[in-house]
Every structure is written in C-alpha cells, then in structure tokens.
Full PDB file with SEQRES, HELIX, SHEET, SSBOND, CRYST1, ORIGX, SCALE, CONECT and MASTER records, all heavy atoms in Angstrom:
SEQRES   1 A   36  GLU ASN LEU ILE PHE TRP ARG LEU SER THR LYS VAL ALA          
SEQRES   2 A   36  LYS GLN ALA LEU LEU GLY ASP LYS ILE ASP ILE VAL ASN          
SEQRES   3 A   36  VAL GLU LYS ILE VAL ILE VAL GLY ARG LYS                      
HELIX    1 AA1 PHE A    5  LEU A   17  1                                  13    
HELIX    2 AA2 VAL A   27  LYS A   29  5                                   3    
CRYST1    1.000    1.000    1.000  90.00  90.00  90.00 P 1           1          
ORIGX1      1.000000  0.000000  0.000000        0.00000                         
ORIGX2      0.000000  1.000000  0.000000        0.00000                         
ORIGX3      0.000000  0.000000  1.000000        0.00000                         
SCALE1      1.000000  0.000000  0.000000        0.00000                         
SCALE2      0.000000  1.000000  0.000000        0.00000                         
SCALE3      0.000000  0.000000  1.000000        0.00000                         
ATOM      1  N   GLU A   1       0.884  -1.193   0.005  1.00  0.00           N  
ATOM      2  CA  GLU A   1      -0.024   0.017   0.016  1.00  0.00           C  
ATOM      3  C   GLU A   1       0.871   1.258   0.005  1.00  0.00           C  
ATOM      4  O   GLU A   1       1.760   1.412   0.835  1.00  0.00           O  
ATOM      5  CB  GLU A   1      -0.917  -0.004   1.234  1.00  0.00           C  
ATOM      6  CG  GLU A   1      -1.966   1.071   1.200  1.00  0.00           C  
ATOM      7  CD  GLU A   1      -3.006   0.921   2.275  1.00  0.00           C  
ATOM      8  OE1 GLU A   1      -2.927  -0.061   3.032  1.00  0.00           O  
ATOM      9  OE2 GLU A   1      -3.840   1.764   2.373  1.00  0.00           O  
ATOM     10  N   ASN A   2       0.591   2.172  -0.966  1.00  0.00           N  
ATOM     11  CA  ASN A   2       1.267   3.443  -1.104  1.00  0.00           C  
ATOM     12  C   ASN A   2       2.792   3.365  -1.374  1.00  0.00           C  
ATOM     13  O   ASN A   2       3.496   4.276  -1.124  1.00  0.00           O  
ATOM     14  CB  ASN A   2       1.024   4.338   0.078  1.00  0.00           C  
ATOM     15  CG  ASN A   2      -0.430   4.719   0.198  1.00  0.00           C  
ATOM     16  OD1 ASN A   2      -1.156   4.827  -0.786  1.00  0.00           O  
ATOM     17  ND2 ASN A   2      -0.920   4.869   1.408  1.00  0.00           N  
ATOM     18  N   LEU A   3       3.252   2.236  -1.897  1.00  0.00           N  
ATOM     19  CA  LEU A   3       4.644   2.138  -2.291  1.00  0.00           C  
ATOM     20  C   LEU A   3       4.789   2.408  -3.783  1.00  0.00           C  
ATOM     21  O   LEU A   3       3.902   2.144  -4.533  1.00  0.00           O  
ATOM     22  CB  LEU A   3       5.215   0.724  -1.986  1.00  0.00           C  
ATOM     23  CG  LEU A   3       5.319   0.346  -0.519  1.00  0.00           C  
ATOM     24  CD1 LEU A   3       5.888  -1.054  -0.371  1.00  0.00           C  
ATOM     25  CD2 LEU A   3       6.230   1.319   0.251  1.00  0.00           C  
ATOM     26  N   ILE A   4       5.912   2.981  -4.178  1.00  0.00           N  
ATOM     27  CA  ILE A   4       6.160   3.307  -5.590  1.00  0.00           C  
ATOM     28  C   ILE A   4       6.557   2.039  -6.314  1.00  0.00           C  
ATOM     29  O   ILE A   4       7.449   1.312  -5.876  1.00  0.00           O  
ATOM     30  CB  ILE A   4       7.201   4.422  -5.708  1.00  0.00           C  
ATOM     31  CG1 ILE A   4       6.655   5.694  -5.040  1.00  0.00           C  
ATOM     32  CG2 ILE A   4       7.540   4.671  -7.162  1.00  0.00           C  
ATOM     33  CD1 ILE A   4       7.651   6.779  -4.948  1.00  0.00           C  
ATOM     34  N   PHE A   5       5.901   1.790  -7.392  1.00  0.00           N  
ATOM     35  CA  PHE A   5       6.002   0.515  -8.152  1.00  0.00           C  
ATOM     36  C   PHE A   5       7.400   0.148  -8.530  1.00  0.00           C  
ATOM     37  O   PHE A   5       7.895  -0.960  -8.221  1.00  0.00           O  
ATOM     38  CB  PHE A   5       5.061   0.577  -9.350  1.00  0.00           C  
ATOM     39  CG  PHE A   5       5.025  -0.658 -10.166  1.00  0.00           C  
ATOM     40  CD1 PHE A   5       4.724  -1.862  -9.613  1.00  0.00           C  
ATOM     41  CD2 PHE A   5       5.364  -0.587 -11.515  1.00  0.00           C  
ATOM     42  CE1 PHE A   5       4.684  -3.032 -10.375  1.00  0.00           C  
ATOM     43  CE2 PHE A   5       5.315  -1.720 -12.292  1.00  0.00           C  
ATOM     44  CZ  PHE A   5       4.975  -2.956 -11.700  1.00  0.00           C  
ATOM     45  N   TRP A   6       8.130   1.039  -9.239  1.00  0.00           N  
ATOM     46  CA  TRP A   6       9.448   0.697  -9.766  1.00  0.00           C  
ATOM     47  C   TRP A   6      10.466   0.530  -8.690  1.00  0.00           C  
ATOM     48  O   TRP A   6      11.353  -0.292  -8.732  1.00  0.00           O  
ATOM     49  CB  TRP A   6       9.873   1.691 -10.803  1.00  0.00           C  
ATOM     50  CG  TRP A   6       8.927   1.666 -11.953  1.00  0.00           C  
ATOM     51  CD1 TRP A   6       8.077   2.722 -12.315  1.00  0.00           C  
ATOM     52  CD2 TRP A   6       8.612   0.613 -12.888  1.00  0.00           C  
ATOM     53  NE1 TRP A   6       7.313   2.329 -13.378  1.00  0.00           N  
ATOM     54  CE2 TRP A   6       7.606   1.046 -13.695  1.00  0.00           C  
ATOM     55  CE3 TRP A   6       9.096  -0.666 -12.992  1.00  0.00           C  
ATOM     56  CZ2 TRP A   6       7.072   0.263 -14.738  1.00  0.00           C  
ATOM     57  CZ3 TRP A   6       8.578  -1.478 -14.016  1.00  0.00           C  
ATOM     58  CH2 TRP A   6       7.590  -0.989 -14.861  1.00  0.00           C  
ATOM     59  N   ARG A   7      10.385   1.374  -7.612  1.00  0.00           N  
ATOM     60  CA  ARG A   7      11.356   1.253  -6.525  1.00  0.00           C  
ATOM     61  C   ARG A   7      11.161  -0.055  -5.760  1.00  0.00           C  
ATOM     62  O   ARG A   7      12.096  -0.726  -5.400  1.00  0.00           O  
ATOM     63  CB  ARG A   7      11.199   2.449  -5.567  1.00  0.00           C  
ATOM     64  CG  ARG A   7      11.649   3.725  -6.132  1.00  0.00           C  
ATOM     65  CD  ARG A   7      11.546   4.866  -5.144  1.00  0.00           C  
ATOM     66  NE  ARG A   7      11.900   6.100  -5.783  1.00  0.00           N  
ATOM     67  CZ  ARG A   7      11.795   7.294  -5.205  1.00  0.00           C  
ATOM     68  NH1 ARG A   7      11.343   7.331  -3.971  1.00  0.00           N  
ATOM     69  NH2 ARG A   7      12.103   8.372  -5.855  1.00  0.00           N  
ATOM     70  N   LEU A   8       9.900  -0.409  -5.557  1.00  0.00           N  
ATOM     71  CA  LEU A   8       9.577  -1.681  -4.915  1.00  0.00           C  
ATOM     72  C   LEU A   8      10.093  -2.848  -5.738  1.00  0.00           C  
ATOM     73  O   LEU A   8      10.705  -3.784  -5.207  1.00  0.00           O  
ATOM     74  CB  LEU A   8       8.089  -1.802  -4.708  1.00  0.00           C  
ATOM     75  CG  LEU A   8       7.574  -3.145  -4.227  1.00  0.00           C  
ATOM     76  CD1 LEU A   8       7.968  -3.376  -2.785  1.00  0.00           C  
ATOM     77  CD2 LEU A   8       6.075  -3.215  -4.427  1.00  0.00           C  
ATOM     78  N   SER A   9       9.880  -2.807  -7.039  1.00  0.00           N  
ATOM     79  CA  SER A   9      10.272  -3.875  -7.907  1.00  0.00           C  
ATOM     80  C   SER A   9      11.792  -4.107  -7.893  1.00  0.00           C  
ATOM     81  O   SER A   9      12.261  -5.256  -7.871  1.00  0.00           O  
ATOM     82  CB  SER A   9       9.820  -3.600  -9.329  1.00  0.00           C  
ATOM     83  OG  SER A   9       8.439  -3.512  -9.405  1.00  0.00           O  
ATOM     84  N   THR A  10      12.566  -3.052  -7.928  1.00  0.00           N  
ATOM     85  CA  THR A  10      14.004  -3.192  -7.941  1.00  0.00           C  
ATOM     86  C   THR A  10      14.510  -3.805  -6.609  1.00  0.00           C  
ATOM     87  O   THR A  10      15.365  -4.689  -6.619  1.00  0.00           O  
ATOM     88  CB  THR A  10      14.755  -1.888  -8.202  1.00  0.00           C  
ATOM     89  OG1 THR A  10      14.317  -0.912  -7.256  1.00  0.00           O  
ATOM     90  CG2 THR A  10      14.468  -1.394  -9.596  1.00  0.00           C  
ATOM     91  N   LYS A  11      13.935  -3.365  -5.492  1.00  0.00           N  
ATOM     92  CA  LYS A  11      14.373  -3.866  -4.187  1.00  0.00           C  
ATOM     93  C   LYS A  11      13.994  -5.355  -4.079  1.00  0.00           C  
ATOM     94  O   LYS A  11      14.765  -6.181  -3.574  1.00  0.00           O  
ATOM     95  CB  LYS A  11      13.730  -3.080  -3.094  1.00  0.00           C  
ATOM     96  CG  LYS A  11      14.377  -1.741  -2.938  1.00  0.00           C  
ATOM     97  CD  LYS A  11      13.830  -0.961  -1.728  1.00  0.00           C  
ATOM     98  CE  LYS A  11      14.523   0.384  -1.679  1.00  0.00           C  
ATOM     99  NZ  LYS A  11      14.105   1.128  -0.469  1.00  0.00           N  
ATOM    100  N   VAL A  12      12.802  -5.689  -4.538  1.00  0.00           N  
ATOM    101  CA  VAL A  12      12.352  -7.105  -4.454  1.00  0.00           C  
ATOM    102  C   VAL A  12      13.252  -8.020  -5.368  1.00  0.00           C  
ATOM    103  O   VAL A  12      13.641  -9.089  -4.939  1.00  0.00           O  
ATOM    104  CB  VAL A  12      10.876  -7.216  -4.863  1.00  0.00           C  
ATOM    105  CG1 VAL A  12      10.487  -8.673  -5.116  1.00  0.00           C  
ATOM    106  CG2 VAL A  12      10.033  -6.606  -3.816  1.00  0.00           C  
ATOM    107  N   ALA A  13      13.591  -7.522  -6.543  1.00  0.00           N  
ATOM    108  CA  ALA A  13      14.418  -8.285  -7.439  1.00  0.00           C  
ATOM    109  C   ALA A  13      15.799  -8.525  -6.833  1.00  0.00           C  
ATOM    110  O   ALA A  13      16.330  -9.654  -6.889  1.00  0.00           O  
ATOM    111  CB  ALA A  13      14.564  -7.587  -8.791  1.00  0.00           C  
ATOM    112  N   LYS A  14      16.382  -7.532  -6.217  1.00  0.00           N  
ATOM    113  CA  LYS A  14      17.688  -7.687  -5.589  1.00  0.00           C  
ATOM    114  C   LYS A  14      17.665  -8.671  -4.454  1.00  0.00           C  
ATOM    115  O   LYS A  14      18.555  -9.510  -4.275  1.00  0.00           O  
ATOM    116  CB  LYS A  14      18.208  -6.341  -5.097  1.00  0.00           C  
ATOM    117  CG  LYS A  14      18.682  -5.412  -6.217  1.00  0.00           C  
ATOM    118  CD  LYS A  14      19.185  -4.110  -5.655  1.00  0.00           C  
ATOM    119  CE  LYS A  14      19.529  -3.126  -6.744  1.00  0.00           C  
ATOM    120  NZ  LYS A  14      19.911  -1.811  -6.237  1.00  0.00           N  
ATOM    121  N   GLN A  15      16.619  -8.550  -3.621  1.00  0.00           N  
ATOM    122  CA  GLN A  15      16.481  -9.457  -2.441  1.00  0.00           C  
ATOM    123  C   GLN A  15      16.264 -10.905  -2.884  1.00  0.00           C  
ATOM    124  O   GLN A  15      16.790 -11.825  -2.260  1.00  0.00           O  
ATOM    125  CB  GLN A  15      15.384  -9.007  -1.534  1.00  0.00           C  
ATOM    126  CG  GLN A  15      15.683  -7.728  -0.757  1.00  0.00           C  
ATOM    127  CD  GLN A  15      16.889  -7.913   0.159  1.00  0.00           C  
ATOM    128  OE1 GLN A  15      17.029  -8.922   0.837  1.00  0.00           O  
ATOM    129  NE2 GLN A  15      17.747  -6.911   0.132  1.00  0.00           N  
ATOM    130  N   ALA A  16      15.514 -11.083  -3.968  1.00  0.00           N  
ATOM    131  CA  ALA A  16      15.244 -12.464  -4.452  1.00  0.00           C  
ATOM    132  C   ALA A  16      16.526 -13.080  -4.998  1.00  0.00           C  
ATOM    133  O   ALA A  16      16.761 -14.267  -4.813  1.00  0.00           O  
ATOM    134  CB  ALA A  16      14.146 -12.423  -5.525  1.00  0.00           C  
ATOM    135  N   LEU A  17      17.355 -12.290  -5.654  1.00  0.00           N  
ATOM    136  CA  LEU A  17      18.633 -12.806  -6.152  1.00  0.00           C  
ATOM    137  C   LEU A  17      19.568 -13.191  -5.002  1.00  0.00           C  
ATOM    138  O   LEU A  17      20.399 -14.084  -5.159  1.00  0.00           O  
ATOM    139  CB  LEU A  17      19.277 -11.796  -7.064  1.00  0.00           C  
ATOM    140  CG  LEU A  17      18.711 -11.667  -8.472  1.00  0.00           C  
ATOM    141  CD1 LEU A  17      19.345 -10.512  -9.194  1.00  0.00           C  
ATOM    142  CD2 LEU A  17      18.886 -12.948  -9.220  1.00  0.00           C  
ATOM    143  N   LEU A  18      19.414 -12.488  -3.867  1.00  0.00           N  
ATOM    144  CA  LEU A  18      20.244 -12.837  -2.685  1.00  0.00           C  
ATOM    145  C   LEU A  18      19.732 -14.058  -1.963  1.00  0.00           C  
ATOM    146  O   LEU A  18      20.451 -14.563  -1.086  1.00  0.00           O  
ATOM    147  CB  LEU A  18      20.272 -11.644  -1.712  1.00  0.00           C  
ATOM    148  CG  LEU A  18      21.009 -10.388  -2.284  1.00  0.00           C  
ATOM    149  CD1 LEU A  18      20.878  -9.270  -1.291  1.00  0.00           C  
ATOM    150  CD2 LEU A  18      22.479 -10.734  -2.529  1.00  0.00           C  
ATOM    151  N   GLY A  19      18.546 -14.569  -2.301  1.00  0.00           N  
ATOM    152  CA  GLY A  19      18.049 -15.800  -1.696  1.00  0.00           C  
ATOM    153  C   GLY A  19      16.885 -15.643  -0.746  1.00  0.00           C  
ATOM    154  O   GLY A  19      16.505 -16.617  -0.114  1.00  0.00           O  
ATOM    155  N   ASP A  20      16.307 -14.471  -0.599  1.00  0.00           N  
ATOM    156  CA  ASP A  20      15.203 -14.277   0.309  1.00  0.00           C  
ATOM    157  C   ASP A  20      13.890 -14.648  -0.352  1.00  0.00           C  
ATOM    158  O   ASP A  20      13.715 -14.430  -1.557  1.00  0.00           O  
ATOM    159  CB  ASP A  20      15.074 -12.818   0.770  1.00  0.00           C  
ATOM    160  CG  ASP A  20      16.240 -12.375   1.614  1.00  0.00           C  
ATOM    161  OD1 ASP A  20      16.949 -13.250   2.104  1.00  0.00           O  
ATOM    162  OD2 ASP A  20      16.447 -11.136   1.772  1.00  0.00           O  
ATOM    163  N   LYS A  21      12.983 -15.224   0.431  1.00  0.00           N  
ATOM    164  CA  LYS A  21      11.628 -15.487  -0.057  1.00  0.00           C  
ATOM    165  C   LYS A  21      10.795 -14.265   0.249  1.00  0.00           C  
ATOM    166  O   LYS A  21      10.778 -13.795   1.378  1.00  0.00           O  
ATOM    167  CB  LYS A  21      11.032 -16.703   0.624  1.00  0.00           C  
ATOM    168  CG  LYS A  21       9.684 -17.086   0.097  1.00  0.00           C  
ATOM    169  CD  LYS A  21       9.125 -18.330   0.771  1.00  0.00           C  
ATOM    170  CE  LYS A  21       7.767 -18.726   0.284  1.00  0.00           C  
ATOM    171  NZ  LYS A  21       6.922 -17.711  -0.227  1.00  0.00           N  
ATOM    172  N   ILE A  22      10.091 -13.732  -0.773  1.00  0.00           N  
ATOM    173  CA  ILE A  22       9.416 -12.488  -0.629  1.00  0.00           C  
ATOM    174  C   ILE A  22       7.920 -12.640  -0.965  1.00  0.00           C  
ATOM    175  O   ILE A  22       7.603 -13.200  -2.026  1.00  0.00           O  
ATOM    176  CB  ILE A  22      10.036 -11.423  -1.545  1.00  0.00           C  
ATOM    177  CG1 ILE A  22      11.460 -11.249  -1.160  1.00  0.00           C  
ATOM    178  CG2 ILE A  22       9.262 -10.108  -1.434  1.00  0.00           C  
ATOM    179  CD1 ILE A  22      12.276 -10.490  -2.147  1.00  0.00           C  
ATOM    180  N   ASP A  23       7.061 -12.173  -0.085  1.00  0.00           N  
ATOM    181  CA  ASP A  23       5.625 -12.120  -0.327  1.00  0.00           C  
ATOM    182  C   ASP A  23       5.184 -10.687  -0.346  1.00  0.00           C  
ATOM    183  O   ASP A  23       5.442  -9.923   0.603  1.00  0.00           O  
ATOM    184  CB  ASP A  23       4.831 -12.847   0.767  1.00  0.00           C  
ATOM    185  CG  ASP A  23       5.161 -14.353   0.777  1.00  0.00           C  
ATOM    186  OD1 ASP A  23       5.369 -14.923  -0.284  1.00  0.00           O  
ATOM    187  OD2 ASP A  23       5.201 -14.949   1.908  1.00  0.00           O  
ATOM    188  N   ILE A  24       4.513 -10.260  -1.422  1.00  0.00           N  
ATOM    189  CA  ILE A  24       4.017  -8.886  -1.547  1.00  0.00           C  
ATOM    190  C   ILE A  24       2.500  -8.966  -1.467  1.00  0.00           C  
ATOM    191  O   ILE A  24       1.846  -9.647  -2.247  1.00  0.00           O  
ATOM    192  CB  ILE A  24       4.433  -8.265  -2.886  1.00  0.00           C  
ATOM    193  CG1 ILE A  24       5.944  -8.359  -3.076  1.00  0.00           C  
ATOM    194  CG2 ILE A  24       3.997  -6.821  -2.950  1.00  0.00           C  
ATOM    195  CD1 ILE A  24       6.396  -7.965  -4.461  1.00  0.00           C  
ATOM    196  N   VAL A  25       1.932  -8.276  -0.494  1.00  0.00           N  
ATOM    197  CA  VAL A  25       0.470  -8.244  -0.346  1.00  0.00           C  
ATOM    198  C   VAL A  25      -0.054  -6.840  -0.691  1.00  0.00           C  
ATOM    199  O   VAL A  25       0.696  -5.883  -0.661  1.00  0.00           O  
ATOM    200  CB  VAL A  25       0.061  -8.614   1.108  1.00  0.00           C  
ATOM    201  CG1 VAL A  25       0.422 -10.055   1.407  1.00  0.00           C  
ATOM    202  CG2 VAL A  25       0.675  -7.710   2.126  1.00  0.00           C  
ATOM    203  N   ASN A  26      -1.308  -6.769  -1.028  1.00  0.00           N  
ATOM    204  CA  ASN A  26      -2.011  -5.557  -1.460  1.00  0.00           C  
ATOM    205  C   ASN A  26      -1.369  -4.960  -2.688  1.00  0.00           C  
ATOM    206  O   ASN A  26      -1.069  -3.776  -2.745  1.00  0.00           O  
ATOM    207  CB  ASN A  26      -2.058  -4.537  -0.335  1.00  0.00           C  
ATOM    208  CG  ASN A  26      -3.037  -4.899   0.735  1.00  0.00           C  
ATOM    209  OD1 ASN A  26      -4.018  -5.627   0.518  1.00  0.00           O  
ATOM    210  ND2 ASN A  26      -2.823  -4.365   1.948  1.00  0.00           N  
ATOM    211  N   VAL A  27      -1.105  -5.767  -3.695  1.00  0.00           N  
ATOM    212  CA  VAL A  27      -0.455  -5.253  -4.882  1.00  0.00           C  
ATOM    213  C   VAL A  27      -1.366  -4.318  -5.656  1.00  0.00           C  
ATOM    214  O   VAL A  27      -0.918  -3.504  -6.472  1.00  0.00           O  
ATOM    215  CB  VAL A  27       0.029  -6.365  -5.840  1.00  0.00           C  
ATOM    216  CG1 VAL A  27       1.121  -7.173  -5.195  1.00  0.00           C  
ATOM    217  CG2 VAL A  27      -1.058  -7.284  -6.244  1.00  0.00           C  
ATOM    218  N   GLU A  28      -2.670  -4.399  -5.446  1.00  0.00           N  
ATOM    219  CA  GLU A  28      -3.588  -3.481  -6.148  1.00  0.00           C  
ATOM    220  C   GLU A  28      -3.485  -2.051  -5.683  1.00  0.00           C  
ATOM    221  O   GLU A  28      -3.958  -1.107  -6.328  1.00  0.00           O  
ATOM    222  CB  GLU A  28      -5.031  -4.015  -6.077  1.00  0.00           C  
ATOM    223  CG  GLU A  28      -5.703  -3.814  -4.742  1.00  0.00           C  
ATOM    224  CD  GLU A  28      -5.404  -4.886  -3.754  1.00  0.00           C  
ATOM    225  OE1 GLU A  28      -4.605  -5.775  -4.036  1.00  0.00           O  
ATOM    226  OE2 GLU A  28      -5.986  -4.818  -2.679  1.00  0.00           O  
ATOM    227  N   LYS A  29      -2.814  -1.813  -4.518  1.00  0.00           N  
ATOM    228  CA  LYS A  29      -2.724  -0.500  -3.944  1.00  0.00           C  
ATOM    229  C   LYS A  29      -1.327   0.110  -4.209  1.00  0.00           C  
ATOM    230  O   LYS A  29      -1.001   1.177  -3.641  1.00  0.00           O  
ATOM    231  CB  LYS A  29      -3.009  -0.537  -2.481  1.00  0.00           C  
ATOM    232  CG  LYS A  29      -4.436  -0.956  -2.175  1.00  0.00           C  
ATOM    233  CD  LYS A  29      -4.728  -0.985  -0.732  1.00  0.00           C  
ATOM    234  CE  LYS A  29      -6.157  -1.417  -0.470  1.00  0.00           C  
ATOM    235  NZ  LYS A  29      -6.413  -1.530   0.945  1.00  0.00           N  
ATOM    236  N   ILE A  30      -0.505  -0.537  -4.956  1.00  0.00           N  
ATOM    237  CA  ILE A  30       0.841  -0.001  -5.302  1.00  0.00           C  
ATOM    238  C   ILE A  30       0.647   1.178  -6.292  1.00  0.00           C  
ATOM    239  O   ILE A  30      -0.204   1.172  -7.171  1.00  0.00           O  
ATOM    240  CB  ILE A  30       1.717  -1.088  -5.962  1.00  0.00           C  
ATOM    241  CG1 ILE A  30       2.053  -2.138  -4.909  1.00  0.00           C  
ATOM    242  CG2 ILE A  30       2.986  -0.492  -6.495  1.00  0.00           C  
ATOM    243  CD1 ILE A  30       2.808  -3.310  -5.448  1.00  0.00           C  
ATOM    244  N   VAL A  31       1.462   2.212  -6.117  1.00  0.00           N  
ATOM    245  CA  VAL A  31       1.300   3.445  -6.880  1.00  0.00           C  
ATOM    246  C   VAL A  31       2.259   3.448  -8.090  1.00  0.00           C  
ATOM    247  O   VAL A  31       3.476   3.212  -7.863  1.00  0.00           O  
ATOM    248  CB  VAL A  31       1.602   4.675  -5.997  1.00  0.00           C  
ATOM    249  CG1 VAL A  31       1.504   5.933  -6.779  1.00  0.00           C  
ATOM    250  CG2 VAL A  31       0.649   4.684  -4.790  1.00  0.00           C  
ATOM    251  N   ILE A  32       1.755   3.725  -9.242  1.00  0.00           N  
ATOM    252  CA  ILE A  32       2.601   3.861 -10.456  1.00  0.00           C  
ATOM    253  C   ILE A  32       2.732   5.364 -10.663  1.00  0.00           C  
ATOM    254  O   ILE A  32       1.737   6.067 -10.861  1.00  0.00           O  
ATOM    255  CB  ILE A  32       1.984   3.212 -11.678  1.00  0.00           C  
ATOM    256  CG1 ILE A  32       1.848   1.707 -11.430  1.00  0.00           C  
ATOM    257  CG2 ILE A  32       2.770   3.480 -12.922  1.00  0.00           C  
ATOM    258  CD1 ILE A  32       1.153   0.965 -12.571  1.00  0.00           C  
ATOM    259  N   VAL A  33       3.959   5.867 -10.645  1.00  0.00           N  
ATOM    260  CA  VAL A  33       4.181   7.318 -10.742  1.00  0.00           C  
ATOM    261  C   VAL A  33       4.388   7.685 -12.228  1.00  0.00           C  
ATOM    262  O   VAL A  33       4.769   6.855 -13.023  1.00  0.00           O  
ATOM    263  CB  VAL A  33       5.396   7.782  -9.896  1.00  0.00           C  
ATOM    264  CG1 VAL A  33       5.114   7.625  -8.450  1.00  0.00           C  
ATOM    265  CG2 VAL A  33       6.638   7.058 -10.325  1.00  0.00           C  
ATOM    266  N   GLY A  34       4.130   8.909 -12.532  1.00  0.00           N  
ATOM    267  CA  GLY A  34       4.244   9.404 -13.874  1.00  0.00           C  
ATOM    268  C   GLY A  34       2.952  10.080 -14.331  1.00  0.00           C  
ATOM    269  O   GLY A  34       1.928   9.959 -13.660  1.00  0.00           O  
ATOM    270  N   ARG A  35       2.995  10.724 -15.448  1.00  0.00           N  
ATOM    271  CA  ARG A  35       1.791  11.355 -15.961  1.00  0.00           C  
ATOM    272  C   ARG A  35       0.836  10.268 -16.452  1.00  0.00           C  
ATOM    273  O   ARG A  35       1.211   9.336 -17.163  1.00  0.00           O  
ATOM    274  CB  ARG A  35       2.136  12.310 -17.092  1.00  0.00           C  
ATOM    275  CG  ARG A  35       2.867  13.545 -16.600  1.00  0.00           C  
ATOM    276  CD  ARG A  35       2.854  14.700 -17.562  1.00  0.00           C  
ATOM    277  NE  ARG A  35       2.542  14.392 -18.914  1.00  0.00           N  
ATOM    278  CZ  ARG A  35       3.342  14.583 -19.950  1.00  0.00           C  
ATOM    279  NH1 ARG A  35       4.539  15.061 -19.787  1.00  0.00           N  
ATOM    280  NH2 ARG A  35       2.942  14.318 -21.168  1.00  0.00           N  
ATOM    281  N   LYS A  36      -0.413  10.401 -16.083  1.00  0.00           N  
ATOM    282  CA  LYS A  36      -1.419   9.401 -16.369  1.00  0.00           C  
ATOM    283  C   LYS A  36      -1.554   9.153 -17.909  1.00  0.00           C  
ATOM    284  O   LYS A  36      -1.685   7.995 -18.318  1.00  0.00           O  
ATOM    285  CB  LYS A  36      -2.757   9.853 -15.779  1.00  0.00           C  
ATOM    286  CG  LYS A  36      -3.850   8.805 -15.880  1.00  0.00           C  
ATOM    287  CD  LYS A  36      -5.108   9.347 -15.215  1.00  0.00           C  
ATOM    288  CE  LYS A  36      -6.186   8.314 -15.278  1.00  0.00           C  
ATOM    289  NZ  LYS A  36      -7.424   8.804 -14.592  1.00  0.00           N  
TER     290      LYS A  36                                                      
MASTER        0    0    0    2    0    0    0    6  289    1    0    3          
END                                                                             
C-alpha cells in the first residue's frame, strides 16, 4: 500500500537474487508514478 511501483520492484528483485523469499500483499494499492 502506497509504495512506488518501480522502486519496490528493484528492491524485491535484488533481495530475491540474494536468496530471500518475498511475499508482496495488497499489490492493487501500489502506486505507479508518472503522468497518467
């Protein structure tokens, strides 16, 4: 909720490559920034 989409994605990708199991909940509330 209220996290910026691309910043979240890069952090998740890095953590997954390091071996962490990641669960993301409420993905429908993630914010995509930029002009609509």
